[in-house]
Amino acid sequence: MTTNIPTDSRPLARGKKVYFISDLHLGARYFPSQREMEKRVVDFLDHAAADADSIYLLGDVLDYWYEYRYVVPKGFVRFFGKLAELTDRGVSVIWLTGNHDIWLFDYLPHEIGIEVADGPLIRRIGSKTFFLAHGDGLGKTDLAFKTIRAIFRNKFCQRLYSAIHPRWTIPFALSWSKSSRKQGEYQNPTGESASGAKNLQQFAAEYASIHPDIDYFIFGHVHCQTETILPQGKKIITLGGWIEDCDVASFDGTELKLS
């Protein structure tokens, strides 16, 4: 069971909303047009800017990202520029890392003013308490996934990886992601995605039994939109991805909605 999760309380002004999105996978090689996908995301952010108090990006926002000490990967100019515009206007942007964008370090917080969290968050927003996470590593996971996840997050392994020139690491990572996509990862809503959603729902149900103060659980990762109500009235949402659909959850201080 996950413990020591950072908590915070944030008021929500009347007429404002909180938005939750995940799994944009910007930069993925399997998109017919990477520019068109980036435009869809920027268009959403433009729309949300009208009433957004905060925007939570629940992981796998980028298909791959690794910050070296003095350089960062090219691309995503319009997306990063829109995030900077939002934070300059006072909108809070909180980015929870996923299994594709693990290696977010200090560049985006310093340059754009976003908050980066590596792991679940518990947030009191308005009168409700949210458990927010990408979802990888929660509930039951197989040994291979746990091993890879531990290696990716190991500081020594990260230093070794950073010693390899980006001309080799970036194509390798993007090709790996494309290969996983071709093999059917997240494409079958009645298969792996549904199983992953059930795993997160089970985790949330067990967590809620110990922490009854949580009102809402929101996850990404499984690319499968689901909404489940526990007997205690708690709501569990898994967000669909943006590869086929543009799934968004929003909270207006009273109600959490999926669209």
Protein backbone atom coordinates (compact mmCIF):
# COMPACT_ATOMS: atom_id res chain seq x y z
CA MET A 1 0.00 0.00 0.00
CA THR A 2 1.36 3.43 -0.97
CA THR A 3 2.34 5.59 2.00
CA ASN A 4 3.95 9.00 2.64
CA ILE A 5 2.03 10.68 -0.17
CA PRO A 6 2.40 14.49 -0.27
CA THR A 7 -0.79 16.28 0.76
CA ASP A 8 -1.92 19.81 0.12
CA SER A 9 -5.08 21.91 0.38
CA ARG A 10 -6.13 24.37 -2.31
CA PRO A 11 -9.26 26.53 -2.32
CA LEU A 12 -11.31 26.77 -5.50
CA ALA A 13 -12.75 30.14 -6.46
CA ARG A 14 -16.37 30.41 -7.59
CA GLY A 15 -16.71 29.89 -11.33
CA LYS A 16 -13.33 28.18 -11.63
CA LYS A 17 -12.60 24.56 -12.58
CA VAL A 18 -9.85 22.02 -12.19
CA TYR A 19 -8.99 19.92 -15.26
CA PHE A 20 -7.37 16.48 -15.40
CA ILE A 21 -5.84 14.92 -18.52
CA SER A 22 -3.28 12.19 -19.15
CA ASP A 23 -1.51 10.07 -21.75
CA LEU A 24 -1.04 12.65 -24.49
CA HIS A 25 2.14 10.86 -25.66
CA LEU A 26 3.31 13.96 -27.53
CA GLY A 27 6.19 13.18 -29.87
CA ALA A 28 5.21 9.55 -30.42
CA ARG A 29 6.38 8.20 -33.74
CA TYR A 30 3.13 6.33 -34.34
CA PHE A 31 1.08 9.54 -34.76
CA PRO A 32 0.24 10.29 -38.41
CA SER A 33 0.94 13.95 -37.63
CA GLN A 34 2.77 14.95 -34.47
CA ARG A 35 2.04 18.61 -35.19
CA GLU A 36 -1.71 17.93 -35.39
CA MET A 37 -1.68 16.09 -32.05
CA GLU A 38 0.19 18.96 -30.41
CA LYS A 39 -2.35 21.40 -31.88
CA ARG A 40 -5.25 19.40 -30.38
CA VAL A 41 -3.67 19.67 -26.94
CA VAL A 42 -2.93 23.38 -27.32
CA ASP A 43 -6.51 24.00 -28.48
CA PHE A 44 -7.78 22.26 -25.33
CA LEU A 45 -5.50 24.38 -23.14
CA ASP A 46 -6.78 27.52 -24.88
CA HIS A 47 -10.34 26.46 -24.11
CA ALA A 48 -9.55 25.54 -20.50
CA ALA A 49 -7.76 28.83 -19.89
CA ALA A 50 -11.10 30.65 -19.74
CA ASP A 51 -12.05 29.15 -16.37
CA ALA A 52 -9.13 26.99 -15.21
CA ASP A 53 -7.94 27.31 -11.66
CA SER A 54 -5.48 24.47 -12.18
CA ILE A 55 -4.64 21.75 -14.68
CA TYR A 56 -3.33 18.35 -13.67
CA LEU A 57 -1.33 16.39 -16.23
CA LEU A 58 -1.42 12.80 -14.98
CA GLY A 59 1.60 11.37 -16.72
CA ASP A 60 2.78 10.15 -20.13
CA VAL A 61 2.25 13.66 -21.40
CA LEU A 62 5.35 13.16 -23.54
CA ASP A 63 6.10 9.85 -25.20
CA TYR A 64 9.73 10.30 -24.15
CA TRP A 65 11.68 12.92 -22.25
CA TYR A 66 15.11 12.99 -20.69
CA GLU A 67 16.74 16.13 -19.36
CA TYR A 68 20.49 16.24 -19.58
CA ARG A 69 22.27 18.77 -17.37
CA TYR A 70 22.68 21.36 -20.11
CA VAL A 71 20.38 20.23 -22.93
CA VAL A 72 16.79 19.07 -23.34
CA PRO A 73 15.11 17.28 -26.27
CA LYS A 74 13.91 19.45 -29.14
CA GLY A 75 10.24 19.94 -29.98
CA PHE A 76 7.01 20.68 -28.11
CA VAL A 77 7.50 24.45 -28.52
CA ARG A 78 3.80 25.30 -28.86
CA PHE A 79 2.83 23.04 -25.97
CA PHE A 80 5.48 24.35 -23.61
CA GLY A 81 4.73 27.90 -24.68
CA LYS A 82 1.04 27.45 -23.84
CA LEU A 83 1.90 26.01 -20.42
CA ALA A 84 4.13 29.02 -19.76
CA GLU A 85 1.32 31.35 -20.83
CA LEU A 86 -1.07 29.64 -18.41
CA THR A 87 1.29 29.77 -15.44
CA ASP A 88 2.09 33.43 -16.21
CA ARG A 89 -1.65 34.10 -15.92
CA GLY A 90 -1.81 32.40 -12.53
CA VAL A 91 -3.13 28.98 -13.56
CA SER A 92 -1.46 26.18 -11.59
CA VAL A 93 -0.09 23.38 -13.75
CA ILE A 94 0.82 20.17 -11.94
CA TRP A 95 2.58 17.42 -13.88
CA LEU A 96 2.69 13.91 -12.38
CA THR A 97 5.30 11.83 -14.12
CA GLY A 98 4.29 8.63 -15.88
CA ASN A 99 6.27 5.67 -17.15
CA HIS A 100 7.11 7.46 -20.42
CA ASP A 101 8.09 10.86 -19.01
CA ILE A 102 9.84 9.73 -15.82
CA TRP A 103 12.90 11.90 -16.25
CA LEU A 104 11.47 15.35 -15.65
CA PHE A 105 13.92 17.16 -13.41
CA ASP A 106 14.31 20.94 -12.88
CA TYR A 107 14.09 22.48 -16.37
CA LEU A 108 10.31 22.75 -16.74
CA PRO A 109 9.65 23.90 -13.14
CA HIS A 110 12.28 26.63 -13.46
CA GLU A 111 11.57 27.64 -17.04
CA ILE A 112 7.79 27.35 -17.16
CA GLY A 113 6.75 27.47 -13.51
CA ILE A 114 4.96 24.14 -13.33
CA GLU A 115 4.95 21.74 -10.37
CA VAL A 116 6.38 18.29 -11.04
CA ALA A 117 5.50 15.31 -8.83
CA ASP A 118 7.12 11.89 -9.16
CA GLY A 119 4.42 9.74 -7.61
CA PRO A 120 0.86 10.02 -6.31
CA LEU A 121 -0.55 13.18 -4.76
CA ILE A 122 -3.38 13.73 -2.32
CA ARG A 123 -5.00 17.13 -2.83
CA ARG A 124 -7.84 18.82 -1.00
CA ILE A 125 -9.53 20.88 -3.71
CA GLY A 126 -12.45 22.92 -2.54
CA SER A 127 -14.43 20.64 -0.23
CA LYS A 128 -13.24 17.34 -1.76
CA THR A 129 -10.13 15.23 -1.34
CA PHE A 130 -8.49 13.72 -4.42
CA PHE A 131 -6.02 10.86 -4.81
CA LEU A 132 -4.15 11.54 -8.05
CA ALA A 133 -1.65 9.28 -9.78
CA HIS A 134 -0.53 8.16 -13.21
CA GLY A 135 -1.18 4.59 -12.11
CA ASP A 136 1.94 2.66 -13.05
CA GLY A 137 3.34 0.75 -10.12
CA LEU A 138 0.07 0.76 -8.15
CA GLY A 139 -1.82 -2.39 -7.29
CA LYS A 140 -0.63 -5.73 -8.65
CA THR A 141 2.25 -5.49 -11.12
CA ASP A 142 4.43 -8.24 -12.54
CA LEU A 143 8.09 -8.67 -11.61
CA ALA A 144 9.41 -7.58 -15.02
CA PHE A 145 7.57 -4.26 -14.83
CA LYS A 146 8.71 -3.68 -11.24
CA THR A 147 12.31 -4.38 -12.24
CA ILE A 148 12.28 -2.03 -15.22
CA ARG A 149 10.54 0.66 -13.17
CA ALA A 150 13.15 0.39 -10.40
CA ILE A 151 16.00 0.63 -12.92
CA PHE A 152 14.50 3.68 -14.61
CA ARG A 153 14.18 5.48 -11.26
CA ASN A 154 17.58 4.50 -9.92
CA LYS A 155 19.88 7.55 -9.67
CA PHE A 156 23.02 5.59 -10.56
CA CYS A 157 21.36 4.08 -13.64
CA GLN A 158 20.17 7.54 -14.67
CA ARG A 159 23.74 8.84 -14.49
CA LEU A 160 24.96 5.98 -16.66
CA TYR A 161 22.16 6.61 -19.16
CA SER A 162 22.93 10.33 -19.31
CA ALA A 163 26.50 9.50 -20.35
CA ILE A 164 25.17 8.12 -23.65
CA HIS A 165 24.79 10.69 -26.41
CA PRO A 166 21.16 11.74 -27.11
CA ARG A 167 21.59 10.84 -30.79
CA TRP A 168 21.42 7.21 -29.63
CA THR A 169 19.10 7.30 -26.63
CA ILE A 170 16.24 9.33 -28.13
CA PRO A 171 15.74 7.21 -31.30
CA PHE A 172 16.04 4.04 -29.21
CA ALA A 173 13.40 5.17 -26.70
CA LEU A 174 10.95 6.34 -29.37
CA SER A 175 11.41 3.13 -31.38
CA TRP A 176 10.77 1.07 -28.24
CA SER A 177 7.55 2.97 -27.64
CA LYS A 178 6.45 2.53 -31.24
CA SER A 179 7.18 -1.20 -31.10
CA SER A 180 5.10 -1.57 -27.92
CA ARG A 181 2.23 0.25 -29.60
CA LYS A 182 2.39 -2.06 -32.65
CA GLN A 183 2.30 -5.11 -30.42
CA GLY A 184 -1.09 -4.02 -29.15
CA GLU A 185 -0.31 -2.17 -25.92
CA TYR A 186 -3.44 -0.31 -24.76
CA GLN A 187 -5.33 -0.99 -27.99
CA ASN A 188 -7.82 -3.62 -26.79
CA PRO A 189 -10.43 -2.06 -24.48
CA THR A 190 -11.59 -5.51 -23.35
CA GLY A 191 -8.08 -6.85 -22.81
CA GLU A 192 -4.99 -5.30 -21.21
CA SER A 193 -6.55 -1.86 -20.77
CA ALA A 194 -9.65 -3.20 -19.02
CA SER A 195 -7.51 -5.43 -16.84
CA GLY A 196 -5.30 -2.48 -15.93
CA ALA A 197 -8.34 -0.38 -15.06
CA LYS A 198 -9.70 -3.13 -12.80
CA ASN A 199 -6.33 -3.35 -11.07
CA LEU A 200 -6.40 0.38 -10.30
CA GLN A 201 -10.01 0.16 -9.15
CA GLN A 202 -9.06 -2.63 -6.76
CA PHE A 203 -6.14 -0.59 -5.45
CA ALA A 204 -8.43 2.43 -4.90
CA ALA A 205 -11.05 0.32 -3.11
CA GLU A 206 -8.44 -1.08 -0.73
CA TYR A 207 -6.90 2.35 -0.17
CA ALA A 208 -10.32 3.91 0.50
CA SER A 209 -11.05 1.32 3.16
CA ILE A 210 -8.00 2.54 5.09
CA HIS A 211 -8.27 6.22 4.14
CA PRO A 212 -12.00 7.04 4.12
CA ASP A 213 -11.29 10.76 3.73
CA ILE A 214 -10.58 10.32 -0.02
CA ASP A 215 -13.55 11.37 -2.17
CA TYR A 216 -12.15 10.85 -5.68
CA PHE A 217 -9.45 8.69 -7.24
CA ILE A 218 -8.18 9.69 -10.70
CA PHE A 219 -5.66 7.65 -12.69
CA GLY A 220 -4.20 7.59 -16.19
CA HIS A 221 -1.89 4.96 -17.68
CA VAL A 222 -4.42 2.37 -18.90
CA HIS A 223 -5.84 4.35 -21.86
CA CYS A 224 -9.31 3.22 -20.90
CA GLN A 225 -12.01 5.61 -19.67
CA THR A 226 -13.95 4.16 -16.73
CA GLU A 227 -16.02 5.56 -13.88
CA THR A 228 -16.77 3.44 -10.81
CA ILE A 229 -18.67 4.29 -7.62
CA LEU A 230 -17.64 2.45 -4.45
CA PRO A 231 -20.25 1.48 -1.84
CA GLN A 232 -19.05 4.34 0.36
CA GLY A 233 -19.84 6.78 -2.44
CA LYS A 234 -16.21 7.27 -3.47
CA LYS A 235 -15.65 7.72 -7.20
CA ILE A 236 -12.84 6.11 -9.19
CA ILE A 237 -11.97 7.43 -12.63
CA THR A 238 -9.43 6.12 -15.12
CA LEU A 239 -8.81 8.57 -17.92
CA GLY A 240 -8.70 7.46 -21.51
CA GLY A 241 -5.73 8.60 -23.55
CA TRP A 242 -5.45 11.18 -26.29
CA ILE A 243 -4.19 8.78 -28.93
CA GLU A 244 -7.70 8.12 -30.24
CA ASP A 245 -9.85 10.29 -27.95
CA CYS A 246 -9.41 13.54 -26.05
CA ASP A 247 -10.63 12.48 -22.62
CA VAL A 248 -10.89 15.12 -19.91
CA ALA A 249 -12.14 15.15 -16.33
CA SER A 250 -13.17 18.44 -14.72
CA PHE A 251 -14.18 19.49 -11.22
CA ASP A 252 -16.19 22.65 -10.54
CA GLY A 253 -16.10 22.51 -6.77
CA THR A 254 -19.23 20.38 -6.55
CA GLU A 255 -19.13 17.67 -9.21
CA LEU A 256 -16.45 15.67 -10.99
CA LYS A 257 -17.32 15.02 -14.64
CA LEU A 258 -15.81 12.98 -17.46
CA SER A 259 -16.00 14.13 -21.07
